[in-house]
């Protein structure tokens, strides 16, 4: 999981970081990475196993930084890098591994039951439509708030709220639990 600081920078800060990164500023690259790594990681985690999501997050940023001159609207860096993450090639083999490698799903401090439950939940989230899967991964795995998700993705806070709500409903159905978390 990646951390996002309380001050994640607004569109003007993002635009400044992009311009500085285009001029080769390592500090600006680092700011962009810190701000958007949870977004990229959350998107990828919905598609591949956690270790591969970590690796592909690095690959996505390397690709984005190499193509930074192609970004037309610097303040839209979040939406742009999210699109790059969604288009990263992930083979069907990687997707299969994503649902088979259970040792990758939970903390090493977790009990076998907790690891099994984490695997079950991640598998269920992975079956949801992208519009719900991504916000749920960002909320449940990356620990981002609704407003942080909206700021990172460029969606409105209302859209994020609706997608999280509907996604949770679909996740409950997929897991066979009611709103109180009881199995149905």
N, C-alpha and C. Protein backbone atom coordinates (compact mmCIF):
# COMPACT_ATOMS: atom_id res chain seq x y z
N UNK A 1 0.84 -1.17 0.00
CA UNK A 1 0.00 0.00 0.00
C UNK A 1 0.89 1.23 0.00
N UNK A 2 0.38 2.25 -0.65
CA UNK A 2 1.11 3.50 -0.74
C UNK A 2 0.42 4.54 0.13
N UNK A 3 1.17 5.48 0.62
CA UNK A 3 0.61 6.53 1.45
C UNK A 3 0.43 7.80 0.64
N UNK A 4 -0.63 8.52 0.97
CA UNK A 4 -0.89 9.82 0.38
C UNK A 4 -0.93 10.81 1.52
N UNK A 5 -0.16 11.86 1.42
CA UNK A 5 -0.14 12.85 2.49
C UNK A 5 -1.45 13.63 2.50
N UNK A 6 -1.73 14.30 3.60
CA UNK A 6 -2.95 15.09 3.72
C UNK A 6 -3.03 16.16 2.65
N UNK A 7 -1.92 16.81 2.33
CA UNK A 7 -1.90 17.83 1.29
C UNK A 7 -1.40 17.18 0.01
N UNK A 8 -2.37 16.77 -0.82
CA UNK A 8 -1.97 16.04 -2.02
C UNK A 8 -1.79 16.96 -3.22
N UNK A 9 -1.89 18.28 -3.00
CA UNK A 9 -1.62 19.22 -4.09
C UNK A 9 -2.77 19.34 -5.06
N UNK A 10 -3.13 20.55 -5.39
CA UNK A 10 -4.22 20.79 -6.31
C UNK A 10 -3.74 20.83 -7.75
N UNK A 11 -4.64 21.17 -8.66
CA UNK A 11 -4.29 21.21 -10.09
C UNK A 11 -3.12 22.12 -10.41
N UNK A 12 -2.98 23.23 -9.68
CA UNK A 12 -1.87 24.15 -9.95
C UNK A 12 -0.53 23.52 -9.55
N UNK A 13 -0.53 22.81 -8.43
CA UNK A 13 0.70 22.14 -8.00
C UNK A 13 1.07 21.05 -8.99
N UNK A 14 0.08 20.30 -9.44
CA UNK A 14 0.32 19.23 -10.41
C UNK A 14 0.89 19.81 -11.69
N UNK A 15 0.29 20.88 -12.16
CA UNK A 15 0.77 21.54 -13.38
C UNK A 15 2.22 21.99 -13.21
N UNK A 16 2.53 22.56 -12.05
CA UNK A 16 3.90 23.01 -11.78
C UNK A 16 4.86 21.81 -11.76
N UNK A 17 4.46 20.71 -11.09
CA UNK A 17 5.32 19.53 -11.03
C UNK A 17 5.58 18.96 -12.42
N UNK A 18 4.54 18.93 -13.25
CA UNK A 18 4.70 18.40 -14.61
C UNK A 18 5.69 19.27 -15.39
N UNK A 19 5.53 20.59 -15.31
CA UNK A 19 6.44 21.49 -16.03
C UNK A 19 7.87 21.33 -15.54
N UNK A 20 8.03 21.22 -14.21
CA UNK A 20 9.37 21.03 -13.65
C UNK A 20 9.95 19.67 -14.03
N UNK A 21 9.11 18.65 -14.04
CA UNK A 21 9.58 17.31 -14.44
C UNK A 21 10.02 17.30 -15.90
N UNK A 22 9.30 18.01 -16.73
CA UNK A 22 9.69 18.12 -18.15
C UNK A 22 11.08 18.75 -18.29
N UNK A 23 11.45 19.58 -17.33
CA UNK A 23 12.77 20.20 -17.35
C UNK A 23 13.81 19.35 -16.61
N UNK A 24 13.40 18.17 -16.17
CA UNK A 24 14.34 17.24 -15.56
C UNK A 24 14.43 17.26 -14.05
N UNK A 25 13.51 17.93 -13.37
CA UNK A 25 13.55 18.00 -11.91
C UNK A 25 13.20 16.66 -11.27
N UNK A 26 14.16 16.07 -10.56
CA UNK A 26 13.92 14.81 -9.86
C UNK A 26 12.91 15.00 -8.73
N UNK A 27 12.94 16.16 -8.08
CA UNK A 27 11.99 16.44 -7.01
C UNK A 27 10.56 16.47 -7.55
N UNK A 28 10.38 17.02 -8.74
CA UNK A 28 9.05 17.07 -9.35
C UNK A 28 8.58 15.66 -9.72
N UNK A 29 9.49 14.85 -10.27
CA UNK A 29 9.15 13.45 -10.56
C UNK A 29 8.69 12.76 -9.28
N UNK A 30 9.44 12.99 -8.20
CA UNK A 30 9.12 12.35 -6.92
C UNK A 30 7.75 12.81 -6.41
N UNK A 31 7.43 14.08 -6.56
CA UNK A 31 6.12 14.59 -6.13
C UNK A 31 5.00 13.92 -6.92
N UNK A 32 5.17 13.84 -8.23
CA UNK A 32 4.15 13.20 -9.06
C UNK A 32 3.99 11.73 -8.69
N UNK A 33 5.10 11.07 -8.44
CA UNK A 33 5.03 9.66 -8.05
C UNK A 33 4.29 9.52 -6.71
N UNK A 34 4.69 10.31 -5.72
CA UNK A 34 4.04 10.22 -4.40
C UNK A 34 2.54 10.48 -4.50
N UNK A 35 2.18 11.44 -5.30
CA UNK A 35 0.77 11.82 -5.42
C UNK A 35 -0.05 10.75 -6.14
N UNK A 36 0.51 10.17 -7.22
CA UNK A 36 -0.30 9.31 -8.08
C UNK A 36 0.00 7.82 -7.99
N UNK A 37 1.00 7.41 -7.24
CA UNK A 37 1.29 5.97 -7.09
C UNK A 37 0.10 5.18 -6.54
N UNK A 38 -0.64 5.70 -5.54
CA UNK A 38 -1.79 4.93 -5.05
C UNK A 38 -2.85 4.72 -6.13
N UNK A 39 -3.05 5.72 -6.97
CA UNK A 39 -4.01 5.61 -8.06
C UNK A 39 -3.60 4.51 -9.02
N UNK A 40 -2.36 4.56 -9.48
CA UNK A 40 -1.87 3.58 -10.44
C UNK A 40 -1.87 2.19 -9.82
N UNK A 41 -1.38 2.07 -8.60
CA UNK A 41 -1.32 0.78 -7.92
C UNK A 41 -2.72 0.19 -7.73
N UNK A 42 -3.68 1.03 -7.33
CA UNK A 42 -5.05 0.56 -7.14
C UNK A 42 -5.67 0.07 -8.44
N UNK A 43 -5.43 0.77 -9.53
CA UNK A 43 -5.94 0.34 -10.84
C UNK A 43 -5.35 -1.02 -11.20
N UNK A 44 -4.05 -1.15 -11.03
CA UNK A 44 -3.38 -2.38 -11.43
C UNK A 44 -3.74 -3.54 -10.50
N UNK A 45 -3.96 -3.25 -9.24
CA UNK A 45 -4.30 -4.31 -8.29
C UNK A 45 -5.63 -4.97 -8.62
N UNK A 46 -6.49 -4.25 -9.29
CA UNK A 46 -7.76 -4.83 -9.73
C UNK A 46 -7.60 -5.76 -10.91
N UNK A 47 -6.39 -5.81 -11.49
CA UNK A 47 -6.16 -6.62 -12.69
C UNK A 47 -5.14 -7.73 -12.50
N UNK A 48 -4.19 -7.55 -11.58
CA UNK A 48 -3.09 -8.51 -11.42
C UNK A 48 -2.78 -8.72 -9.94
N UNK A 49 -1.98 -9.74 -9.67
CA UNK A 49 -1.62 -10.03 -8.26
C UNK A 49 -0.80 -8.88 -7.69
N UNK A 50 -0.79 -8.75 -6.37
CA UNK A 50 -0.12 -7.60 -5.75
C UNK A 50 1.34 -7.41 -6.13
N UNK A 51 2.15 -8.45 -6.16
CA UNK A 51 3.57 -8.27 -6.50
C UNK A 51 3.72 -7.75 -7.93
N UNK A 52 2.90 -8.24 -8.83
CA UNK A 52 2.95 -7.77 -10.21
C UNK A 52 2.43 -6.33 -10.30
N UNK A 53 1.43 -5.99 -9.48
CA UNK A 53 0.93 -4.61 -9.46
C UNK A 53 2.04 -3.65 -9.02
N UNK A 54 2.84 -4.07 -8.05
CA UNK A 54 3.97 -3.24 -7.61
C UNK A 54 4.94 -3.00 -8.77
N UNK A 55 5.27 -4.07 -9.47
CA UNK A 55 6.22 -3.99 -10.59
C UNK A 55 5.65 -3.13 -11.72
N UNK A 56 4.38 -3.36 -12.05
CA UNK A 56 3.77 -2.61 -13.14
C UNK A 56 3.56 -1.14 -12.79
N UNK A 57 3.42 -0.82 -11.51
CA UNK A 57 3.33 0.58 -11.10
C UNK A 57 4.61 1.30 -11.48
N UNK A 58 5.74 0.68 -11.20
CA UNK A 58 7.03 1.26 -11.56
C UNK A 58 7.13 1.43 -13.08
N UNK A 59 6.71 0.39 -13.80
CA UNK A 59 6.75 0.42 -15.26
C UNK A 59 5.87 1.53 -15.82
N UNK A 60 4.70 1.70 -15.24
CA UNK A 60 3.76 2.73 -15.68
C UNK A 60 4.36 4.12 -15.53
N UNK A 61 5.00 4.37 -14.39
CA UNK A 61 5.61 5.68 -14.18
C UNK A 61 6.80 5.90 -15.10
N UNK A 62 7.58 4.88 -15.33
CA UNK A 62 8.71 5.01 -16.25
C UNK A 62 8.20 5.38 -17.65
N UNK A 63 7.15 4.71 -18.07
CA UNK A 63 6.55 4.98 -19.38
C UNK A 63 5.97 6.40 -19.42
N UNK A 64 5.25 6.77 -18.38
CA UNK A 64 4.64 8.11 -18.33
C UNK A 64 5.71 9.20 -18.35
N UNK A 65 6.75 9.03 -17.57
CA UNK A 65 7.79 10.05 -17.52
C UNK A 65 8.52 10.15 -18.86
N UNK A 66 8.67 9.03 -19.53
CA UNK A 66 9.31 9.05 -20.86
C UNK A 66 8.43 9.76 -21.88
N UNK A 67 7.13 9.74 -21.68
CA UNK A 67 6.18 10.35 -22.62
C UNK A 67 5.61 11.67 -22.11
N UNK A 68 6.18 12.23 -21.09
CA UNK A 68 5.64 13.42 -20.45
C UNK A 68 5.41 14.57 -21.42
N UNK A 69 6.22 14.68 -22.43
CA UNK A 69 6.06 15.76 -23.41
C UNK A 69 4.75 15.62 -24.19
N UNK A 70 4.16 14.42 -24.22
CA UNK A 70 2.92 14.18 -24.95
C UNK A 70 1.68 14.63 -24.19
N UNK A 71 1.83 14.88 -22.89
CA UNK A 71 0.69 15.30 -22.07
C UNK A 71 0.33 16.74 -22.43
N UNK A 72 -0.89 16.93 -22.93
CA UNK A 72 -1.31 18.26 -23.39
C UNK A 72 -1.74 19.17 -22.25
N UNK A 73 -2.49 18.64 -21.29
CA UNK A 73 -2.98 19.44 -20.17
C UNK A 73 -2.31 18.93 -18.90
N UNK A 74 -1.30 19.66 -18.46
CA UNK A 74 -0.48 19.21 -17.33
C UNK A 74 -1.30 18.93 -16.07
N UNK A 75 -2.34 19.72 -15.82
CA UNK A 75 -3.14 19.52 -14.62
C UNK A 75 -3.97 18.23 -14.67
N UNK A 76 -4.04 17.58 -15.84
CA UNK A 76 -4.79 16.32 -15.99
C UNK A 76 -3.87 15.10 -15.92
N UNK A 77 -2.71 15.27 -15.30
CA UNK A 77 -1.75 14.18 -15.17
C UNK A 77 -2.39 12.92 -14.58
N UNK A 78 -3.24 13.06 -13.58
CA UNK A 78 -3.87 11.90 -12.94
C UNK A 78 -4.69 11.07 -13.92
N UNK A 79 -5.56 11.72 -14.65
CA UNK A 79 -6.38 11.00 -15.64
C UNK A 79 -5.49 10.37 -16.72
N UNK A 80 -4.45 11.08 -17.10
CA UNK A 80 -3.54 10.60 -18.15
C UNK A 80 -2.78 9.36 -17.69
N UNK A 81 -2.21 9.40 -16.50
CA UNK A 81 -1.44 8.24 -16.04
C UNK A 81 -2.38 7.07 -15.71
N UNK A 82 -3.61 7.37 -15.29
CA UNK A 82 -4.59 6.30 -15.06
C UNK A 82 -4.89 5.58 -16.37
N UNK A 83 -5.01 6.33 -17.45
CA UNK A 83 -5.25 5.72 -18.77
C UNK A 83 -4.06 4.86 -19.19
N UNK A 84 -2.86 5.32 -18.91
CA UNK A 84 -1.66 4.53 -19.21
C UNK A 84 -1.69 3.23 -18.41
N UNK A 85 -2.03 3.30 -17.14
CA UNK A 85 -2.09 2.11 -16.29
C UNK A 85 -3.12 1.12 -16.81
N UNK A 86 -4.26 1.63 -17.25
CA UNK A 86 -5.31 0.73 -17.76
C UNK A 86 -4.91 0.06 -19.07
N UNK A 87 -4.04 0.71 -19.83
CA UNK A 87 -3.61 0.14 -21.12
C UNK A 87 -2.34 -0.69 -21.02
N UNK A 88 -1.71 -0.72 -19.86
CA UNK A 88 -0.50 -1.54 -19.73
C UNK A 88 -0.84 -2.98 -20.07
N UNK A 89 0.02 -3.62 -20.84
CA UNK A 89 -0.29 -5.00 -21.19
C UNK A 89 -0.19 -5.91 -19.97
N UNK A 90 -1.29 -6.57 -19.69
CA UNK A 90 -1.30 -7.61 -18.67
C UNK A 90 -1.88 -8.83 -19.36
N UNK A 91 -1.11 -9.87 -19.41
CA UNK A 91 -1.55 -11.05 -20.13
C UNK A 91 -2.58 -11.82 -19.35
N UNK A 92 -3.28 -12.69 -20.03
CA UNK A 92 -4.23 -13.57 -19.36
C UNK A 92 -3.52 -14.43 -18.33
N UNK A 93 -2.27 -14.80 -18.60
CA UNK A 93 -1.50 -15.58 -17.63
C UNK A 93 -1.34 -14.78 -16.34
N UNK A 94 -1.02 -13.49 -16.47
CA UNK A 94 -0.86 -12.66 -15.29
C UNK A 94 -2.17 -12.58 -14.52
N UNK A 95 -3.29 -12.48 -15.25
CA UNK A 95 -4.60 -12.42 -14.59
C UNK A 95 -4.89 -13.73 -13.87
N UNK A 96 -4.54 -14.86 -14.50
CA UNK A 96 -4.73 -16.15 -13.84
C UNK A 96 -3.91 -16.22 -12.57
N UNK A 97 -2.65 -15.80 -12.64
CA UNK A 97 -1.80 -15.81 -11.47
C UNK A 97 -2.40 -14.92 -10.39
N UNK A 98 -3.05 -13.83 -10.82
CA UNK A 98 -3.63 -12.90 -9.86
C UNK A 98 -4.62 -13.58 -8.93
N UNK A 99 -5.35 -14.55 -9.44
CA UNK A 99 -6.33 -15.21 -8.59
C UNK A 99 -5.83 -16.53 -8.03
N UNK A 100 -4.59 -16.93 -8.32
CA UNK A 100 -4.08 -18.19 -7.82
C UNK A 100 -3.01 -18.04 -6.76
N UNK A 101 -2.30 -16.93 -6.75
CA UNK A 101 -1.18 -16.78 -5.84
C UNK A 101 -1.66 -16.22 -4.51
N UNK A 102 -2.19 -17.08 -3.66
CA UNK A 102 -2.78 -16.63 -2.41
C UNK A 102 -1.76 -16.13 -1.40
N UNK A 103 -0.49 -16.44 -1.58
CA UNK A 103 0.51 -15.97 -0.63
C UNK A 103 0.75 -14.48 -0.77
N UNK A 104 0.19 -13.89 -1.80
CA UNK A 104 0.44 -12.48 -2.12
C UNK A 104 -0.66 -11.55 -1.60
N UNK A 105 -1.70 -12.10 -0.98
CA UNK A 105 -2.89 -11.31 -0.71
C UNK A 105 -2.95 -10.59 0.62
N UNK A 106 -2.21 -11.01 1.59
CA UNK A 106 -2.34 -10.39 2.90
C UNK A 106 -0.99 -10.26 3.57
N UNK A 107 -0.99 -9.49 4.60
CA UNK A 107 0.21 -9.29 5.40
C UNK A 107 0.73 -10.62 5.92
N UNK A 108 2.04 -10.69 6.07
CA UNK A 108 2.63 -11.92 6.63
C UNK A 108 2.25 -12.08 8.09
N UNK A 109 1.76 -11.01 8.72
CA UNK A 109 1.29 -11.09 10.11
C UNK A 109 -0.13 -11.65 10.20
N UNK A 110 -0.79 -11.77 9.07
CA UNK A 110 -2.18 -12.21 9.06
C UNK A 110 -2.28 -13.71 9.33
N UNK A 111 -3.37 -14.08 9.96
CA UNK A 111 -3.64 -15.50 10.21
C UNK A 111 -4.04 -16.16 8.89
N UNK A 112 -4.01 -17.48 8.84
CA UNK A 112 -4.47 -18.16 7.61
C UNK A 112 -5.91 -17.79 7.25
N UNK A 113 -6.75 -17.61 8.24
CA UNK A 113 -8.14 -17.24 7.98
C UNK A 113 -8.23 -15.84 7.38
N UNK A 114 -7.42 -14.92 7.92
CA UNK A 114 -7.40 -13.55 7.39
C UNK A 114 -6.86 -13.53 5.97
N UNK A 115 -5.84 -14.32 5.71
CA UNK A 115 -5.26 -14.39 4.36
C UNK A 115 -6.29 -14.94 3.38
N UNK A 116 -7.01 -15.96 3.80
CA UNK A 116 -8.03 -16.56 2.96
C UNK A 116 -9.15 -15.56 2.67
N UNK A 117 -9.56 -14.82 3.69
CA UNK A 117 -10.61 -13.82 3.51
C UNK A 117 -10.14 -12.68 2.60
N UNK A 118 -8.90 -12.24 2.76
CA UNK A 118 -8.36 -11.20 1.89
C UNK A 118 -8.35 -11.67 0.44
N UNK A 119 -7.95 -12.90 0.22
CA UNK A 119 -7.95 -13.47 -1.13
C UNK A 119 -9.36 -13.50 -1.69
N UNK A 120 -10.30 -13.92 -0.90
CA UNK A 120 -11.71 -14.02 -1.33
C UNK A 120 -12.24 -12.64 -1.72
N UNK A 121 -11.94 -11.62 -0.91
CA UNK A 121 -12.43 -10.27 -1.19
C UNK A 121 -11.77 -9.71 -2.44
N UNK A 122 -10.45 -9.87 -2.57
CA UNK A 122 -9.77 -9.35 -3.77
C UNK A 122 -10.26 -10.04 -5.03
N UNK A 123 -10.51 -11.34 -4.94
CA UNK A 123 -11.06 -12.04 -6.11
C UNK A 123 -12.43 -11.48 -6.48
N UNK A 124 -13.25 -11.23 -5.47
CA UNK A 124 -14.59 -10.69 -5.73
C UNK A 124 -14.50 -9.29 -6.32
N UNK A 125 -13.63 -8.45 -5.79
CA UNK A 125 -13.47 -7.09 -6.33
C UNK A 125 -13.00 -7.16 -7.77
N UNK A 126 -12.11 -8.09 -8.07
CA UNK A 126 -11.57 -8.22 -9.43
C UNK A 126 -12.64 -8.58 -10.45
N UNK A 127 -13.77 -9.13 -10.01
CA UNK A 127 -14.84 -9.50 -10.94
C UNK A 127 -15.78 -8.34 -11.25
N UNK A 128 -15.67 -7.26 -10.51
CA UNK A 128 -16.58 -6.13 -10.69
C UNK A 128 -16.20 -5.30 -11.91
N UNK A 129 -17.17 -4.57 -12.47
CA UNK A 129 -16.85 -3.66 -13.57
C UNK A 129 -15.82 -2.62 -13.13
N UNK A 130 -15.01 -2.17 -14.06
CA UNK A 130 -13.92 -1.24 -13.78
C UNK A 130 -14.39 0.00 -13.02
N UNK A 131 -15.57 0.52 -13.37
CA UNK A 131 -16.07 1.73 -12.72
C UNK A 131 -16.24 1.56 -11.22
N UNK A 132 -16.46 0.34 -10.77
CA UNK A 132 -16.60 0.06 -9.35
C UNK A 132 -15.32 -0.51 -8.76
N UNK A 133 -14.65 -1.34 -9.54
CA UNK A 133 -13.44 -2.01 -9.06
C UNK A 133 -12.35 -1.00 -8.65
N UNK A 134 -12.10 -0.04 -9.50
CA UNK A 134 -11.02 0.91 -9.23
C UNK A 134 -11.28 1.75 -7.98
N UNK A 135 -12.45 2.38 -7.84
CA UNK A 135 -12.66 3.15 -6.60
C UNK A 135 -12.61 2.27 -5.35
N UNK A 136 -13.12 1.04 -5.44
CA UNK A 136 -13.07 0.15 -4.28
C UNK A 136 -11.64 -0.21 -3.93
N UNK A 137 -10.81 -0.49 -4.91
CA UNK A 137 -9.40 -0.79 -4.63
C UNK A 137 -8.72 0.42 -3.99
N UNK A 138 -9.01 1.60 -4.52
CA UNK A 138 -8.39 2.80 -3.97
C UNK A 138 -8.86 3.06 -2.54
N UNK A 139 -10.11 2.76 -2.26
CA UNK A 139 -10.66 2.99 -0.91
C UNK A 139 -10.24 1.89 0.06
N UNK A 140 -10.48 0.63 -0.32
CA UNK A 140 -10.29 -0.48 0.60
C UNK A 140 -8.83 -0.92 0.74
N UNK A 141 -8.08 -0.87 -0.35
CA UNK A 141 -6.69 -1.36 -0.31
C UNK A 141 -5.71 -0.21 -0.10
N UNK A 142 -5.87 0.86 -0.86
CA UNK A 142 -4.94 1.98 -0.76
C UNK A 142 -5.29 2.93 0.39
N UNK A 143 -6.51 2.82 0.93
CA UNK A 143 -6.89 3.62 2.08
C UNK A 143 -7.21 5.07 1.78
N UNK A 144 -7.55 5.38 0.54
CA UNK A 144 -7.85 6.75 0.15
C UNK A 144 -9.30 7.11 0.48
N UNK A 145 -9.54 8.36 0.79
CA UNK A 145 -10.90 8.83 1.05
C UNK A 145 -11.59 9.12 -0.29
N UNK A 146 -12.90 9.30 -0.24
CA UNK A 146 -13.64 9.66 -1.45
C UNK A 146 -13.11 10.93 -2.11
N UNK A 147 -12.90 12.01 -1.33
CA UNK A 147 -12.35 13.24 -1.94
C UNK A 147 -10.95 13.04 -2.53
N UNK A 148 -10.12 12.21 -1.88
CA UNK A 148 -8.79 11.94 -2.44
C UNK A 148 -8.90 11.18 -3.75
N UNK A 149 -9.82 10.22 -3.81
CA UNK A 149 -10.03 9.46 -5.05
C UNK A 149 -10.49 10.42 -6.15
N UNK A 150 -11.42 11.30 -5.83
CA UNK A 150 -11.90 12.27 -6.82
C UNK A 150 -10.77 13.16 -7.30
N UNK A 151 -9.94 13.63 -6.38
CA UNK A 151 -8.83 14.51 -6.77
C UNK A 151 -7.83 13.79 -7.66
N UNK A 152 -7.56 12.53 -7.37
CA UNK A 152 -6.59 11.78 -8.16
C UNK A 152 -7.11 11.39 -9.54
N UNK A 153 -8.38 11.02 -9.61
CA UNK A 153 -8.93 10.50 -10.86
C UNK A 153 -9.52 11.58 -11.76
N UNK A 154 -9.83 12.74 -11.19
CA UNK A 154 -10.49 13.77 -11.98
C UNK A 154 -11.99 13.60 -12.02
N UNK A 155 -12.52 12.59 -11.31
CA UNK A 155 -13.97 12.41 -11.21
C UNK A 155 -14.52 13.40 -10.19
N UNK A 156 -15.81 13.64 -10.27
CA UNK A 156 -16.43 14.50 -9.26
C UNK A 156 -16.58 13.69 -7.97
N UNK A 157 -16.56 14.37 -6.83
CA UNK A 157 -16.78 13.66 -5.57
C UNK A 157 -18.09 12.87 -5.56
N UNK A 158 -19.13 13.42 -6.18
CA UNK A 158 -20.42 12.73 -6.24
C UNK A 158 -20.30 11.43 -7.04
N UNK A 159 -19.60 11.46 -8.18
CA UNK A 159 -19.41 10.24 -8.97
C UNK A 159 -18.66 9.18 -8.18
N UNK A 160 -17.63 9.60 -7.47
CA UNK A 160 -16.86 8.66 -6.65
C UNK A 160 -17.76 8.07 -5.58
N UNK A 161 -18.54 8.91 -4.92
CA UNK A 161 -19.44 8.45 -3.86
C UNK A 161 -20.43 7.41 -4.40
N UNK A 162 -21.02 7.71 -5.55
CA UNK A 162 -21.98 6.79 -6.16
C UNK A 162 -21.29 5.48 -6.56
N UNK A 163 -20.13 5.58 -7.18
CA UNK A 163 -19.42 4.37 -7.61
C UNK A 163 -18.99 3.52 -6.41
N UNK A 164 -18.55 4.16 -5.33
CA UNK A 164 -18.20 3.40 -4.13
C UNK A 164 -19.43 2.72 -3.54
N UNK A 165 -20.53 3.44 -3.47
CA UNK A 165 -21.77 2.88 -2.92
C UNK A 165 -22.26 1.69 -3.75
N UNK A 166 -22.36 1.90 -5.05
CA UNK A 166 -22.82 0.81 -5.93
C UNK A 166 -21.82 -0.34 -5.95
N UNK A 167 -20.54 -0.01 -5.94
CA UNK A 167 -19.51 -1.04 -5.92
C UNK A 167 -19.59 -1.89 -4.65
N UNK A 168 -19.82 -1.25 -3.51
CA UNK A 168 -19.95 -1.99 -2.25
C UNK A 168 -21.18 -2.90 -2.29
N UNK A 169 -22.27 -2.41 -2.87
CA UNK A 169 -23.46 -3.25 -3.00
C UNK A 169 -23.16 -4.49 -3.84
N UNK A 170 -22.49 -4.28 -4.97
CA UNK A 170 -22.13 -5.41 -5.85
C UNK A 170 -21.13 -6.34 -5.17
N UNK A 171 -20.21 -5.77 -4.41
CA UNK A 171 -19.24 -6.59 -3.69
C UNK A 171 -19.92 -7.44 -2.63
N UNK A 172 -20.87 -6.85 -1.91
CA UNK A 172 -21.62 -7.64 -0.92
C UNK A 172 -22.33 -8.82 -1.58
N UNK A 173 -22.96 -8.56 -2.73
CA UNK A 173 -23.65 -9.64 -3.45
C UNK A 173 -22.64 -10.71 -3.86
N UNK A 174 -21.51 -10.27 -4.41
CA UNK A 174 -20.48 -11.22 -4.86
C UNK A 174 -19.93 -12.05 -3.70
N UNK A 175 -19.87 -11.45 -2.52
CA UNK A 175 -19.34 -12.15 -1.34
C UNK A 175 -20.43 -12.90 -0.58
N UNK A 176 -21.69 -12.65 -0.95
CA UNK A 176 -22.79 -13.31 -0.26
C UNK A 176 -23.00 -12.80 1.16
N UNK A 177 -22.84 -11.49 1.36
CA UNK A 177 -23.07 -10.91 2.69
C UNK A 177 -24.06 -9.76 2.57
N UNK A 178 -24.75 -9.47 3.70
CA UNK A 178 -25.68 -8.35 3.70
C UNK A 178 -24.96 -7.07 4.16
N UNK A 179 -25.70 -5.99 4.29
CA UNK A 179 -25.10 -4.70 4.64
C UNK A 179 -24.44 -4.72 6.01
N UNK A 180 -24.83 -5.64 6.89
CA UNK A 180 -24.23 -5.75 8.22
C UNK A 180 -23.02 -6.69 8.22
N UNK A 181 -22.68 -7.24 7.05
CA UNK A 181 -21.53 -8.13 6.95
C UNK A 181 -21.84 -9.57 7.30
N UNK A 182 -23.10 -9.89 7.44
CA UNK A 182 -23.49 -11.28 7.76
C UNK A 182 -23.67 -12.05 6.46
N UNK A 183 -23.20 -13.29 6.47
CA UNK A 183 -23.36 -14.12 5.28
C UNK A 183 -24.82 -14.42 5.05
N UNK A 184 -25.21 -14.36 3.78
CA UNK A 184 -26.60 -14.62 3.44
C UNK A 184 -26.79 -16.02 2.92
